[in-house]
Amino acid sequence: MAGQKLGASALLCYIHHESSEPGSYFGLTVANVGTCQAVLCRDGQPLALSKVFSLEQSAEEMERVKTAKAIITE
């Protein structure tokens, strides 16, 4: 397996209707992991709804992955 690049990315956008609330509104829940990002276009302008996650940005997650004896190729 040495030298292979394996990984995963996922993005979830959940639009839900809060009909139990007075005035009733829609909500948006966004979650992501890996090198993907949710972006909403409003009035022709991009609005980032999530951040791209990488191991380089999180020392704690990098340590967790190394402790699990994972092979990091990049």
Protein backbone atom coordinates (compact mmCIF):
# COMPACT_ATOMS: atom_id res chain seq x y z
CA MET A 1 0.00 0.00 0.00
CA ALA A 2 2.97 2.34 0.28
CA GLY A 3 2.80 5.23 -2.13
CA GLN A 4 -0.95 5.01 -2.71
CA LYS A 5 -3.05 8.07 -2.08
CA LEU A 6 -6.22 7.16 -0.24
CA GLY A 7 -8.68 9.47 1.42
CA ALA A 8 -12.20 10.68 1.61
CA SER A 9 -14.19 13.89 1.54
CA ALA A 10 -17.83 14.47 2.37
CA LEU A 11 -20.20 17.41 2.39
CA LEU A 12 -23.73 17.59 3.76
CA CYS A 13 -26.24 20.41 3.27
CA TYR A 14 -29.52 19.76 5.06
CA ILE A 15 -32.38 22.20 4.39
CA HIS A 16 -35.13 21.78 6.95
CA HIS A 17 -38.47 23.45 7.55
CA GLU A 18 -39.17 24.51 11.13
CA SER A 19 -42.95 24.28 10.91
CA SER A 20 -43.38 24.01 14.69
CA GLU A 21 -42.06 27.55 15.18
CA PRO A 22 -44.34 30.59 14.95
CA GLY A 23 -43.63 32.37 11.66
CA SER A 24 -42.26 29.11 10.23
CA TYR A 25 -38.81 29.36 8.64
CA PHE A 26 -36.29 27.22 6.81
CA GLY A 27 -32.95 26.27 8.34
CA LEU A 28 -29.71 25.12 6.76
CA THR A 29 -27.24 22.80 8.45
CA VAL A 30 -23.85 22.30 6.76
CA ALA A 31 -21.07 19.85 7.64
CA ASN A 32 -17.94 18.83 5.79
CA VAL A 33 -14.73 16.86 6.16
CA GLY A 34 -11.79 16.66 3.79
CA THR A 35 -10.93 18.91 0.90
CA CYS A 36 -14.40 20.12 0.00
CA GLN A 37 -16.28 23.30 0.82
CA ALA A 38 -19.89 24.48 0.73
CA VAL A 39 -20.39 27.86 -0.94
CA LEU A 40 -23.70 29.71 -1.28
CA CYS A 41 -24.15 32.28 -4.04
CA ARG A 42 -26.21 35.25 -2.83
CA ASP A 43 -26.76 38.29 -5.05
CA GLY A 44 -23.95 37.09 -7.31
CA GLN A 45 -21.44 36.96 -4.44
CA PRO A 46 -19.96 33.75 -2.96
CA LEU A 47 -20.54 33.11 0.73
CA ALA A 48 -18.45 30.32 2.28
CA LEU A 49 -20.64 28.10 4.47
CA SER A 50 -17.83 25.80 5.61
CA LYS A 51 -14.04 25.64 5.77
CA VAL A 52 -11.76 23.18 3.99
CA PHE A 53 -10.27 20.82 6.57
CA SER A 54 -6.69 19.58 6.35
CA LEU A 55 -4.36 17.81 8.75
CA GLU A 56 -1.81 20.60 8.40
CA GLN A 57 -4.26 23.00 10.07
CA SER A 58 -4.92 20.77 13.09
CA ALA A 59 -1.98 19.56 15.16
CA GLU A 60 -4.35 17.60 17.42
CA GLU A 61 -5.89 15.70 14.50
CA MET A 62 -2.45 15.09 12.95
CA GLU A 63 -1.29 13.51 16.23
CA ARG A 64 -4.45 11.37 16.44
CA VAL A 65 -3.87 10.05 12.91
CA LYS A 66 -0.19 9.29 13.58
CA THR A 67 -1.07 7.51 16.86
CA ALA A 68 -3.47 5.31 14.86
CA LYS A 69 -0.43 4.33 12.73
CA ALA A 70 -1.94 5.78 9.56
CA ILE A 71 0.33 6.52 6.63
CA ILE A 72 0.27 10.19 5.65
CA THR A 73 1.41 10.68 2.05
CA GLU A 74 0.99 14.44 1.61
